Each structure stands twice: as structure tokens, then as C-alpha cells.
């Protein structure tokens, strides 16, 4: 995980975790908006070190969802932040594994 250096005491991790929730079934037209929302969240959180994407309320585990997740990960990386998922179900985990992104969902 990479993080932007924060101010404050030396040797103290002053990073913040930003949580973004995706619910429903995102379509291809939603991906740019989701990336812009994540950029705004990370840009507004001084010292944000990690973005957590909560997908527990996502309805469809399909390749559009995987594309959205991959692009959100790239957005976070471009801003110097780590990225991980929370609440990924077994179907989404299986798709992420097939495309080489299983590490985003954590152990399971």
C-alpha cells in the first residue's frame, strides 16, 4: 500500500481511509462518474492513504462491475492511494479471480 505523506509527528501514520459505497448494478456509463466521485473523495481527504470500496449492496456481479472496480483501483493508484474491496460476494470474488484481481477482495 502506498500513501501520501501526512503532516504531524514523525513516525506516526497520519493517513486516512476513505470509504466509497457502490450499490445496485453499475452500468458502463456509470464508471466515469464513479471514478470522478472517488477522485473527489480522495482529493478532499488530506493524507488519504487507502480507498475502501464497499460493494456489499452491489446487485450484479458481472464484467461491468469488474471493469468499474479495476478503473476505481487505477484512479486510487494514480492519486497515490491503496485500494481494496469490502463486502464482495462469492460471485464477484470468482470474477475478480478470473481476471487476476482477487487480491483486492482480501482473503476469502
PDB file of N, CA and C in Angstrom:
ATOM      1  N   UNK A   1       0.844  -1.177   0.000  1.00  0.00           N
ATOM      2  CA  UNK A   1       0.000   0.000   0.000  1.00  0.00           C
ATOM      3  C   UNK A   1       0.885   1.233   0.000  1.00  0.00           C
ATOM      4  N   UNK A   2       0.534   2.153  -0.832  1.00  0.00           N
ATOM      5  CA  UNK A   2       1.267   3.410  -0.823  1.00  0.00           C
ATOM      6  C   UNK A   2       0.378   4.478  -0.209  1.00  0.00           C
ATOM      7  N   UNK A   3       0.993   5.464   0.354  1.00  0.00           N
ATOM      8  CA  UNK A   3       0.213   6.544   0.946  1.00  0.00           C
ATOM      9  C   UNK A   3       0.936   7.856   0.746  1.00  0.00           C
ATOM     10  N   UNK A   4       0.162   8.909   0.746  1.00  0.00           N
ATOM     11  CA  UNK A   4       0.745  10.241   0.669  1.00  0.00           C
ATOM     12  C   UNK A   4       1.268  10.605   2.040  1.00  0.00           C
ATOM     13  N   UNK A   5       2.403  11.285   2.085  1.00  0.00           N
ATOM     14  CA  UNK A   5       2.913  11.666   3.400  1.00  0.00           C
ATOM     15  C   UNK A   5       1.978  12.659   4.062  1.00  0.00           C
ATOM     16  N   UNK A   6       1.742  12.439   5.326  1.00  0.00           N
ATOM     17  CA  UNK A   6       0.893  13.360   6.072  1.00  0.00           C
ATOM     18  C   UNK A   6       1.736  14.213   6.988  1.00  0.00           C
ATOM     19  N   UNK A   7       1.190  15.320   7.404  1.00  0.00           N
ATOM     20  CA  UNK A   7       1.900  16.161   8.360  1.00  0.00           C
ATOM     21  C   UNK A   7       1.759  15.575   9.741  1.00  0.00           C
ATOM     22  N   UNK A   8       2.355  16.176  10.695  1.00  0.00           N
ATOM     23  CA  UNK A   8       2.198  15.705  12.060  1.00  0.00           C
ATOM     24  C   UNK A   8       3.485  15.157  12.627  1.00  0.00           C
ATOM     25  N   UNK A   9       3.358  14.322  13.621  1.00  0.00           N
ATOM     26  CA  UNK A   9       4.510  13.791  14.333  1.00  0.00           C
ATOM     27  C   UNK A   9       5.288  12.788  13.502  1.00  0.00           C
ATOM     28  N   UNK A  10       6.629  12.848  13.553  1.00  0.00           N
ATOM     29  CA  UNK A  10       7.425  11.865  12.831  1.00  0.00           C
ATOM     30  C   UNK A  10       7.162  10.465  13.391  1.00  0.00           C
ATOM     31  N   UNK A  11       7.088   9.500  12.479  1.00  0.00           N
ATOM     32  CA  UNK A  11       6.892   8.121  12.891  1.00  0.00           C
ATOM     33  C   UNK A  11       5.460   7.755  13.216  1.00  0.00           C
ATOM     34  N   UNK A  12       4.525   8.701  13.062  1.00  0.00           N
ATOM     35  CA  UNK A  12       3.113   8.428  13.320  1.00  0.00           C
ATOM     36  C   UNK A  12       2.388   8.412  11.993  1.00  0.00           C
ATOM     37  N   UNK A  13       1.647   7.332  11.717  1.00  0.00           N
ATOM     38  CA  UNK A  13       0.909   7.204  10.473  1.00  0.00           C
ATOM     39  C   UNK A  13      -0.337   8.073  10.544  1.00  0.00           C
ATOM     40  N   UNK A  14      -0.354   9.135   9.749  1.00  0.00           N
ATOM     41  CA  UNK A  14      -1.473  10.069   9.780  1.00  0.00           C
ATOM     42  C   UNK A  14      -2.322   9.936   8.518  1.00  0.00           C
ATOM     43  N   UNK A  15      -2.440   8.717   7.992  1.00  0.00           N
ATOM     44  CA  UNK A  15      -3.238   8.528   6.793  1.00  0.00           C
ATOM     45  C   UNK A  15      -4.685   8.267   7.161  1.00  0.00           C
ATOM     46  N   UNK A  16      -5.544   8.518   6.217  1.00  0.00           N
ATOM     47  CA  UNK A  16      -6.976   8.368   6.411  1.00  0.00           C
ATOM     48  C   UNK A  16      -7.500   7.341   5.416  1.00  0.00           C
ATOM     49  N   UNK A  17      -8.502   6.584   5.816  1.00  0.00           N
ATOM     50  CA  UNK A  17      -9.164   5.651   4.917  1.00  0.00           C
ATOM     51  C   UNK A  17     -10.458   6.289   4.437  1.00  0.00           C
ATOM     52  N   UNK A  18     -10.634   6.308   3.130  1.00  0.00           N
ATOM     53  CA  UNK A  18     -11.837   6.855   2.514  1.00  0.00           C
ATOM     54  C   UNK A  18     -12.690   5.678   2.061  1.00  0.00           C
ATOM     55  N   UNK A  19     -13.975   5.702   2.400  1.00  0.00           N
ATOM     56  CA  UNK A  19     -14.887   4.619   2.024  1.00  0.00           C
ATOM     57  C   UNK A  19     -15.877   5.128   0.987  1.00  0.00           C
ATOM     58  N   UNK A  20     -15.993   4.359  -0.082  1.00  0.00           N
ATOM     59  CA  UNK A  20     -16.952   4.651  -1.150  1.00  0.00           C
ATOM     60  C   UNK A  20     -17.873   3.439  -1.281  1.00  0.00           C
ATOM     61  N   UNK A  21     -19.163   3.664  -1.394  1.00  0.00           N
ATOM     62  CA  UNK A  21     -20.122   2.568  -1.489  1.00  0.00           C
ATOM     63  C   UNK A  21     -20.697   2.521  -2.901  1.00  0.00           C
ATOM     64  N   UNK A  22     -20.726   1.308  -3.469  1.00  0.00           N
ATOM     65  CA  UNK A  22     -21.386   1.084  -4.752  1.00  0.00           C
ATOM     66  C   UNK A  22     -22.567   0.154  -4.490  1.00  0.00           C
ATOM     67  N   UNK A  23     -23.741   0.588  -4.881  1.00  0.00           N
ATOM     68  CA  UNK A  23     -24.919  -0.246  -4.710  1.00  0.00           C
ATOM     69  C   UNK A  23     -25.623  -0.397  -6.046  1.00  0.00           C
ATOM     70  N   UNK A  24     -26.544  -1.321  -6.096  1.00  0.00           N
ATOM     71  CA  UNK A  24     -27.281  -1.546  -7.330  1.00  0.00           C
ATOM     72  C   UNK A  24     -26.455  -2.285  -8.351  1.00  0.00           C
ATOM     73  N   UNK A  25     -26.640  -1.917  -9.588  1.00  0.00           N
ATOM     74  CA  UNK A  25     -25.963  -2.572 -10.695  1.00  0.00           C
ATOM     75  C   UNK A  25     -25.344  -1.505 -11.597  1.00  0.00           C
ATOM     76  N   UNK A  26     -24.069  -1.170 -11.379  1.00  0.00           N
ATOM     77  CA  UNK A  26     -23.471  -0.111 -12.201  1.00  0.00           C
ATOM     78  C   UNK A  26     -23.372  -0.524 -13.664  1.00  0.00           C
ATOM     79  N   UNK A  27     -23.708   0.419 -14.534  1.00  0.00           N
ATOM     80  CA  UNK A  27     -23.589   0.186 -15.967  1.00  0.00           C
ATOM     81  C   UNK A  27     -22.321   0.823 -16.503  1.00  0.00           C
ATOM     82  N   UNK A  28     -22.010   0.554 -17.758  1.00  0.00           N
ATOM     83  CA  UNK A  28     -20.790   1.125 -18.348  1.00  0.00           C
ATOM     84  C   UNK A  28     -20.748   2.651 -18.287  1.00  0.00           C
ATOM     85  N   UNK A  29     -21.908   3.291 -18.398  1.00  0.00           N
ATOM     86  CA  UNK A  29     -21.956   4.756 -18.354  1.00  0.00           C
ATOM     87  C   UNK A  29     -21.715   5.308 -16.953  1.00  0.00           C
ATOM     88  N   UNK A  30     -21.818   4.459 -15.928  1.00  0.00           N
ATOM     89  CA  UNK A  30     -21.606   4.889 -14.546  1.00  0.00           C
ATOM     90  C   UNK A  30     -20.127   4.937 -14.156  1.00  0.00           C
ATOM     91  N   UNK A  31     -19.281   4.223 -14.897  1.00  0.00           N
ATOM     92  CA  UNK A  31     -17.878   4.079 -14.491  1.00  0.00           C
ATOM     93  C   UNK A  31     -17.147   5.418 -14.425  1.00  0.00           C
ATOM     94  N   UNK A  32     -17.244   6.289 -15.439  1.00  0.00           N
ATOM     95  CA  UNK A  32     -16.548   7.586 -15.322  1.00  0.00           C
ATOM     96  C   UNK A  32     -17.024   8.406 -14.125  1.00  0.00           C
ATOM     97  N   UNK A  33     -18.329   8.355 -13.836  1.00  0.00           N
ATOM     98  CA  UNK A  33     -18.872   9.092 -12.692  1.00  0.00           C
ATOM     99  C   UNK A  33     -18.326   8.536 -11.383  1.00  0.00           C
ATOM    100  N   UNK A  34     -18.268   7.217 -11.272  1.00  0.00           N
ATOM    101  CA  UNK A  34     -17.727   6.601 -10.062  1.00  0.00           C
ATOM    102  C   UNK A  34     -16.261   6.983  -9.855  1.00  0.00           C
ATOM    103  N   UNK A  35     -15.496   6.985 -10.933  1.00  0.00           N
ATOM    104  CA  UNK A  35     -14.081   7.368 -10.823  1.00  0.00           C
ATOM    105  C   UNK A  35     -13.939   8.833 -10.423  1.00  0.00           C
ATOM    106  N   UNK A  36     -14.794   9.694 -10.963  1.00  0.00           N
ATOM    107  CA  UNK A  36     -14.762  11.113 -10.589  1.00  0.00           C
ATOM    108  C   UNK A  36     -15.135  11.292  -9.119  1.00  0.00           C
ATOM    109  N   UNK A  37     -16.123  10.516  -8.647  1.00  0.00           N
ATOM    110  CA  UNK A  37     -16.503  10.590  -7.232  1.00  0.00           C
ATOM    111  C   UNK A  37     -15.356  10.148  -6.328  1.00  0.00           C
ATOM    112  N   UNK A  38     -14.669   9.072  -6.717  1.00  0.00           N
ATOM    113  CA  UNK A  38     -13.540   8.608  -5.913  1.00  0.00           C
ATOM    114  C   UNK A  38     -12.424   9.641  -5.915  1.00  0.00           C
ATOM    115  N   UNK A  39     -12.151  10.235  -7.067  1.00  0.00           N
ATOM    116  CA  UNK A  39     -11.129  11.286  -7.134  1.00  0.00           C
ATOM    117  C   UNK A  39     -11.465  12.434  -6.213  1.00  0.00           C
ATOM    118  N   UNK A  40     -12.735  12.839  -6.196  1.00  0.00           N
ATOM    119  CA  UNK A  40     -13.160  13.939  -5.327  1.00  0.00           C
ATOM    120  C   UNK A  40     -13.012  13.550  -3.861  1.00  0.00           C
ATOM    121  N   UNK A  41     -13.392  12.328  -3.513  1.00  0.00           N
ATOM    122  CA  UNK A  41     -13.256  11.882  -2.127  1.00  0.00           C
ATOM    123  C   UNK A  41     -11.798  11.853  -1.691  1.00  0.00           C
ATOM    124  N   UNK A  42     -10.946  11.327  -2.549  1.00  0.00           N
ATOM    125  CA  UNK A  42      -9.527  11.230  -2.191  1.00  0.00           C
ATOM    126  C   UNK A  42      -8.847  12.580  -2.224  1.00  0.00           C
ATOM    127  N   UNK A  43      -9.282  13.442  -3.116  1.00  0.00           N
ATOM    128  CA  UNK A  43      -8.708  14.779  -3.185  1.00  0.00           C
ATOM    129  C   UNK A  43      -9.100  15.630  -1.993  1.00  0.00           C
ATOM    130  N   UNK A  44     -10.272  15.341  -1.422  1.00  0.00           N
ATOM    131  CA  UNK A  44     -10.748  16.117  -0.296  1.00  0.00           C
ATOM    132  C   UNK A  44     -10.284  15.586   1.044  1.00  0.00           C
ATOM    133  N   UNK A  45      -9.619  14.433   1.049  1.00  0.00           N
ATOM    134  CA  UNK A  45      -9.161  13.828   2.305  1.00  0.00           C
ATOM    135  C   UNK A  45      -7.652  13.971   2.388  1.00  0.00           C
ATOM    136  N   UNK A  46      -7.202  15.028   3.039  1.00  0.00           N
ATOM    137  CA  UNK A  46      -5.763  15.250   3.176  1.00  0.00           C
ATOM    138  C   UNK A  46      -5.138  14.071   3.885  1.00  0.00           C
ATOM    139  N   UNK A  47      -4.150  13.477   3.256  1.00  0.00           N
ATOM    140  CA  UNK A  47      -3.456  12.355   3.858  1.00  0.00           C
ATOM    141  C   UNK A  47      -4.148  11.026   3.658  1.00  0.00           C
ATOM    142  N   UNK A  48      -5.127  10.958   2.735  1.00  0.00           N
ATOM    143  CA  UNK A  48      -5.793   9.684   2.489  1.00  0.00           C
ATOM    144  C   UNK A  48      -4.772   8.681   1.991  1.00  0.00           C
ATOM    145  N   UNK A  49      -4.736   7.534   2.631  1.00  0.00           N
ATOM    146  CA  UNK A  49      -3.778   6.512   2.256  1.00  0.00           C
ATOM    147  C   UNK A  49      -4.416   5.308   1.626  1.00  0.00           C
ATOM    148  N   UNK A  50      -5.727   5.152   1.827  1.00  0.00           N
ATOM    149  CA  UNK A  50      -6.392   3.980   1.287  1.00  0.00           C
ATOM    150  C   UNK A  50      -7.836   4.302   0.950  1.00  0.00           C
ATOM    151  N   UNK A  51      -8.288   3.733  -0.166  1.00  0.00           N
ATOM    152  CA  UNK A  51      -9.686   3.816  -0.550  1.00  0.00           C
ATOM    153  C   UNK A  51     -10.289   2.430  -0.379  1.00  0.00           C
ATOM    154  N   UNK A  52     -11.403   2.368   0.325  1.00  0.00           N
ATOM    155  CA  UNK A  52     -12.135   1.124   0.502  1.00  0.00           C
ATOM    156  C   UNK A  52     -13.441   1.263  -0.271  1.00  0.00           C
ATOM    157  N   UNK A  53     -13.684   0.319  -1.154  1.00  0.00           N
ATOM    158  CA  UNK A  53     -14.901   0.322  -1.944  1.00  0.00           C
ATOM    159  C   UNK A  53     -15.830  -0.753  -1.393  1.00  0.00           C
ATOM    160  N   UNK A  54     -16.926  -0.324  -0.794  1.00  0.00           N
ATOM    161  CA  UNK A  54     -17.903  -1.240  -0.211  1.00  0.00           C
ATOM    162  C   UNK A  54     -18.872  -1.668  -1.311  1.00  0.00           C
ATOM    163  N   UNK A  55     -18.805  -2.948  -1.681  1.00  0.00           N
ATOM    164  CA  UNK A  55     -19.646  -3.485  -2.751  1.00  0.00           C
ATOM    165  C   UNK A  55     -20.684  -4.461  -2.212  1.00  0.00           C
ATOM    166  N   UNK A  56     -20.937  -4.438  -0.913  1.00  0.00           N
ATOM    167  CA  UNK A  56     -21.881  -5.351  -0.288  1.00  0.00           C
ATOM    168  C   UNK A  56     -23.310  -5.206  -0.790  1.00  0.00           C
ATOM    169  N   UNK A  57     -23.676  -4.032  -1.286  1.00  0.00           N
ATOM    170  CA  UNK A  57     -25.028  -3.799  -1.794  1.00  0.00           C
ATOM    171  C   UNK A  57     -25.093  -3.842  -3.319  1.00  0.00           C
ATOM    172  N   UNK A  58     -24.000  -4.288  -3.956  1.00  0.00           N
ATOM    173  CA  UNK A  58     -23.994  -4.391  -5.408  1.00  0.00           C
ATOM    174  C   UNK A  58     -24.850  -5.584  -5.822  1.00  0.00           C
ATOM    175  N   UNK A  59     -25.745  -5.369  -6.769  1.00  0.00           N
ATOM    176  CA  UNK A  59     -26.672  -6.413  -7.194  1.00  0.00           C
ATOM    177  C   UNK A  59     -26.024  -7.366  -8.191  1.00  0.00           C
ATOM    178  N   UNK A  60     -25.405  -6.840  -9.217  1.00  0.00           N
ATOM    179  CA  UNK A  60     -24.880  -7.669 -10.293  1.00  0.00           C
ATOM    180  C   UNK A  60     -23.377  -7.874 -10.156  1.00  0.00           C
ATOM    181  N   UNK A  61     -22.974  -9.123 -10.134  1.00  0.00           N
ATOM    182  CA  UNK A  61     -21.549  -9.455 -10.198  1.00  0.00           C
ATOM    183  C   UNK A  61     -21.285  -9.854 -11.648  1.00  0.00           C
ATOM    184  N   UNK A  62     -20.933  -8.852 -12.462  1.00  0.00           N
ATOM    185  CA  UNK A  62     -20.694  -9.107 -13.872  1.00  0.00           C
ATOM    186  C   UNK A  62     -19.423  -8.396 -14.309  1.00  0.00           C
ATOM    187  N   UNK A  63     -19.110  -8.500 -15.593  1.00  0.00           N
ATOM    188  CA  UNK A  63     -17.868  -7.899 -16.069  1.00  0.00           C
ATOM    189  C   UNK A  63     -17.903  -6.375 -16.039  1.00  0.00           C
ATOM    190  N   UNK A  64     -19.078  -5.778 -16.074  1.00  0.00           N
ATOM    191  CA  UNK A  64     -19.169  -4.326 -15.921  1.00  0.00           C
ATOM    192  C   UNK A  64     -18.748  -3.925 -14.515  1.00  0.00           C
ATOM    193  N   UNK A  65     -19.165  -4.700 -13.524  1.00  0.00           N
ATOM    194  CA  UNK A  65     -18.750  -4.432 -12.143  1.00  0.00           C
ATOM    195  C   UNK A  65     -17.240  -4.588 -12.003  1.00  0.00           C
ATOM    196  N   UNK A  66     -16.687  -5.623 -12.633  1.00  0.00           N
ATOM    197  CA  UNK A  66     -15.235  -5.841 -12.580  1.00  0.00           C
ATOM    198  C   UNK A  66     -14.504  -4.682 -13.250  1.00  0.00           C
ATOM    199  N   UNK A  67     -15.021  -4.214 -14.385  1.00  0.00           N
ATOM    200  CA  UNK A  67     -14.415  -3.069 -15.069  1.00  0.00           C
ATOM    201  C   UNK A  67     -14.441  -1.837 -14.173  1.00  0.00           C
ATOM    202  N   UNK A  68     -15.571  -1.596 -13.519  1.00  0.00           N
ATOM    203  CA  UNK A  68     -15.673  -0.445 -12.615  1.00  0.00           C
ATOM    204  C   UNK A  68     -14.659  -0.556 -11.489  1.00  0.00           C
ATOM    205  N   UNK A  69     -14.537  -1.732 -10.911  1.00  0.00           N
ATOM    206  CA  UNK A  69     -13.589  -1.938  -9.806  1.00  0.00           C
ATOM    207  C   UNK A  69     -12.158  -1.735 -10.273  1.00  0.00           C
ATOM    208  N   UNK A  70     -11.824  -2.273 -11.438  1.00  0.00           N
ATOM    209  CA  UNK A  70     -10.464  -2.115 -11.962  1.00  0.00           C
ATOM    210  C   UNK A  70     -10.141  -0.648 -12.221  1.00  0.00           C
ATOM    211  N   UNK A  71     -11.093   0.091 -12.755  1.00  0.00           N
ATOM    212  CA  UNK A  71     -10.863   1.517 -13.029  1.00  0.00           C
ATOM    213  C   UNK A  71     -10.793   2.339 -11.747  1.00  0.00           C
ATOM    214  N   UNK A  72     -11.591   1.961 -10.757  1.00  0.00           N
ATOM    215  CA  UNK A  72     -11.501   2.640  -9.465  1.00  0.00           C
ATOM    216  C   UNK A  72     -10.144   2.389  -8.820  1.00  0.00           C
ATOM    217  N   UNK A  73      -9.649   1.180  -8.951  1.00  0.00           N
ATOM    218  CA  UNK A  73      -8.316   0.871  -8.418  1.00  0.00           C
ATOM    219  C   UNK A  73      -7.248   1.728  -9.097  1.00  0.00           C
ATOM    220  N   UNK A  74      -7.332   1.848 -10.416  1.00  0.00           N
ATOM    221  CA  UNK A  74      -6.373   2.689 -11.140  1.00  0.00           C
ATOM    222  C   UNK A  74      -6.478   4.150 -10.705  1.00  0.00           C
ATOM    223  N   UNK A  75      -7.689   4.624 -10.491  1.00  0.00           N
ATOM    224  CA  UNK A  75      -7.892   6.003 -10.030  1.00  0.00           C
ATOM    225  C   UNK A  75      -7.205   6.223  -8.690  1.00  0.00           C
ATOM    226  N   UNK A  76      -7.406   5.286  -7.762  1.00  0.00           N
ATOM    227  CA  UNK A  76      -6.771   5.404  -6.446  1.00  0.00           C
ATOM    228  C   UNK A  76      -5.256   5.368  -6.564  1.00  0.00           C
ATOM    229  N   UNK A  77      -4.741   4.467  -7.395  1.00  0.00           N
ATOM    230  CA  UNK A  77      -3.290   4.357  -7.557  1.00  0.00           C
ATOM    231  C   UNK A  77      -2.702   5.638  -8.136  1.00  0.00           C
ATOM    232  N   UNK A  78      -3.382   6.233  -9.107  1.00  0.00           N
ATOM    233  CA  UNK A  78      -2.893   7.487  -9.700  1.00  0.00           C
ATOM    234  C   UNK A  78      -2.806   8.600  -8.665  1.00  0.00           C
ATOM    235  N   UNK A  79      -3.649   8.511  -7.647  1.00  0.00           N
ATOM    236  CA  UNK A  79      -3.642   9.522  -6.588  1.00  0.00           C
ATOM    237  C   UNK A  79      -2.775   9.108  -5.402  1.00  0.00           C
ATOM    238  N   UNK A  80      -2.012   8.022  -5.575  1.00  0.00           N
ATOM    239  CA  UNK A  80      -1.075   7.592  -4.541  1.00  0.00           C
ATOM    240  C   UNK A  80      -1.718   6.866  -3.375  1.00  0.00           C
ATOM    241  N   UNK A  81      -2.878   6.262  -3.594  1.00  0.00           N
ATOM    242  CA  UNK A  81      -3.605   5.586  -2.518  1.00  0.00           C
ATOM    243  C   UNK A  81      -3.733   4.092  -2.793  1.00  0.00           C
ATOM    244  N   UNK A  82      -3.805   3.335  -1.722  1.00  0.00           N
ATOM    245  CA  UNK A  82      -4.114   1.929  -1.841  1.00  0.00           C
ATOM    246  C   UNK A  82      -5.600   1.759  -2.126  1.00  0.00           C
ATOM    247  N   UNK A  83      -5.994   0.548  -2.491  1.00  0.00           N
ATOM    248  CA  UNK A  83      -7.393   0.282  -2.830  1.00  0.00           C
ATOM    249  C   UNK A  83      -7.732  -1.145  -2.455  1.00  0.00           C
ATOM    250  N   UNK A  84      -8.882  -1.324  -1.818  1.00  0.00           N
ATOM    251  CA  UNK A  84      -9.371  -2.676  -1.526  1.00  0.00           C
ATOM    252  C   UNK A  84     -10.887  -2.668  -1.482  1.00  0.00           C
ATOM    253  N   UNK A  85     -11.452  -3.859  -1.578  1.00  0.00           N
ATOM    254  CA  UNK A  85     -12.900  -4.025  -1.546  1.00  0.00           C
ATOM    255  C   UNK A  85     -13.360  -4.502  -0.188  1.00  0.00           C
ATOM    256  N   UNK A  86     -14.603  -4.206   0.107  1.00  0.00           N
ATOM    257  CA  UNK A  86     -15.242  -4.721   1.312  1.00  0.00           C
ATOM    258  C   UNK A  86     -16.627  -5.227   0.906  1.00  0.00           C
ATOM    259  N   UNK A  87     -16.978  -6.412   1.391  1.00  0.00           N
ATOM    260  CA  UNK A  87     -18.305  -6.947   1.159  1.00  0.00           C
ATOM    261  C   UNK A  87     -18.499  -7.671  -0.156  1.00  0.00           C
ATOM    262  N   UNK A  88     -17.412  -8.064  -0.811  1.00  0.00           N
ATOM    263  CA  UNK A  88     -17.540  -8.770  -2.094  1.00  0.00           C
ATOM    264  C   UNK A  88     -18.097 -10.167  -1.871  1.00  0.00           C
ATOM    265  N   UNK A  89     -19.145 -10.505  -2.616  1.00  0.00           N
ATOM    266  CA  UNK A  89     -19.755 -11.825  -2.535  1.00  0.00           C
ATOM    267  C   UNK A  89     -18.976 -12.848  -3.337  1.00  0.00           C
ATOM    268  N   UNK A  90     -19.371 -14.114  -3.237  1.00  0.00           N
ATOM    269  CA  UNK A  90     -18.634 -15.189  -3.908  1.00  0.00           C
ATOM    270  C   UNK A  90     -18.599 -15.063  -5.432  1.00  0.00           C
ATOM    271  N   UNK A  91     -19.679 -14.576  -6.035  1.00  0.00           N
ATOM    272  CA  UNK A  91     -19.691 -14.441  -7.499  1.00  0.00           C
ATOM    273  C   UNK A  91     -18.703 -13.370  -7.958  1.00  0.00           C
ATOM    274  N   UNK A  92     -18.690 -12.247  -7.265  1.00  0.00           N
ATOM    275  CA  UNK A  92     -17.759 -11.181  -7.614  1.00  0.00           C
ATOM    276  C   UNK A  92     -16.320 -11.626  -7.355  1.00  0.00           C
ATOM    277  N   UNK A  93     -16.099 -12.308  -6.253  1.00  0.00           N
ATOM    278  CA  UNK A  93     -14.756 -12.834  -5.955  1.00  0.00           C
ATOM    279  C   UNK A  93     -14.272 -13.773  -7.065  1.00  0.00           C
ATOM    280  N   UNK A  94     -15.170 -14.614  -7.561  1.00  0.00           N
ATOM    281  CA  UNK A  94     -14.803 -15.551  -8.627  1.00  0.00           C
ATOM    282  C   UNK A  94     -14.413 -14.799  -9.900  1.00  0.00           C
ATOM    283  N   UNK A  95     -15.178 -13.772 -10.258  1.00  0.00           N
ATOM    284  CA  UNK A  95     -14.843 -12.979 -11.444  1.00  0.00           C
ATOM    285  C   UNK A  95     -13.524 -12.242 -11.257  1.00  0.00           C
ATOM    286  N   UNK A  96     -13.311 -11.669 -10.080  1.00  0.00           N
ATOM    287  CA  UNK A  96     -12.048 -10.970  -9.820  1.00  0.00           C
ATOM    288  C   UNK A  96     -10.875 -11.932  -9.914  1.00  0.00           C
ATOM    289  N   UNK A  97     -11.062 -13.153  -9.440  1.00  0.00           N
ATOM    290  CA  UNK A  97     -10.006 -14.168  -9.531  1.00  0.00           C
ATOM    291  C   UNK A  97      -9.688 -14.480 -10.996  1.00  0.00           C
ATOM    292  N   UNK A  98     -10.727 -14.598 -11.828  1.00  0.00           N
ATOM    293  CA  UNK A  98     -10.525 -14.926 -13.247  1.00  0.00           C
ATOM    294  C   UNK A  98      -9.724 -13.860 -13.988  1.00  0.00           C
ATOM    295  N   UNK A  99      -9.866 -12.604 -13.580  1.00  0.00           N
ATOM    296  CA  UNK A  99      -9.158 -11.524 -14.278  1.00  0.00           C
ATOM    297  C   UNK A  99      -7.892 -11.082 -13.558  1.00  0.00           C
ATOM    298  N   UNK A 100      -7.508 -11.807 -12.502  1.00  0.00           N
ATOM    299  CA  UNK A 100      -6.258 -11.505 -11.820  1.00  0.00           C
ATOM    300  C   UNK A 100      -6.338 -10.405 -10.782  1.00  0.00           C
ATOM    301  N   UNK A 101      -7.521 -10.107 -10.292  1.00  0.00           N
ATOM    302  CA  UNK A 101      -7.691  -9.050  -9.291  1.00  0.00           C
ATOM    303  C   UNK A 101      -8.197  -9.579  -7.963  1.00  0.00           C
ATOM    304  N   UNK A 102      -7.995 -10.861  -7.702  1.00  0.00           N
ATOM    305  CA  UNK A 102      -8.539 -11.458  -6.480  1.00  0.00           C
ATOM    306  C   UNK A 102      -7.962 -10.850  -5.212  1.00  0.00           C
ATOM    307  N   UNK A 103      -6.768 -10.287  -5.273  1.00  0.00           N
ATOM    308  CA  UNK A 103      -6.159  -9.685  -4.101  1.00  0.00           C
ATOM    309  C   UNK A 103      -6.913  -8.472  -3.587  1.00  0.00           C
ATOM    310  N   UNK A 104      -7.745  -7.849  -4.409  1.00  0.00           N
ATOM    311  CA  UNK A 104      -8.499  -6.669  -3.975  1.00  0.00           C
ATOM    312  C   UNK A 104      -9.561  -7.004  -2.947  1.00  0.00           C
ATOM    313  N   UNK A 105     -10.104  -8.209  -3.028  1.00  0.00           N
ATOM    314  CA  UNK A 105     -11.207  -8.588  -2.150  1.00  0.00           C
ATOM    315  C   UNK A 105     -10.715  -9.179  -0.844  1.00  0.00           C
ATOM    316  N   UNK A 106      -9.424  -9.345  -0.686  1.00  0.00           N
ATOM    317  CA  UNK A 106      -8.872  -9.904   0.557  1.00  0.00           C
ATOM    318  C   UNK A 106      -9.069 -11.400   0.617  1.00  0.00           C
ATOM    319  N   UNK A 107      -8.679 -11.991   1.710  1.00  0.00           N
ATOM    320  CA  UNK A 107      -8.811 -13.445   1.842  1.00  0.00           C
ATOM    321  C   UNK A 107     -10.270 -13.844   1.914  1.00  0.00           C
ATOM    322  N   UNK A 108     -10.561 -14.999   1.386  1.00  0.00           N
ATOM    323  CA  UNK A 108     -11.936 -15.427   1.476  1.00  0.00           C
ATOM    324  C   UNK A 108     -12.183 -16.575   0.646  1.00  0.00           C
TER     325      UNK A 108
END
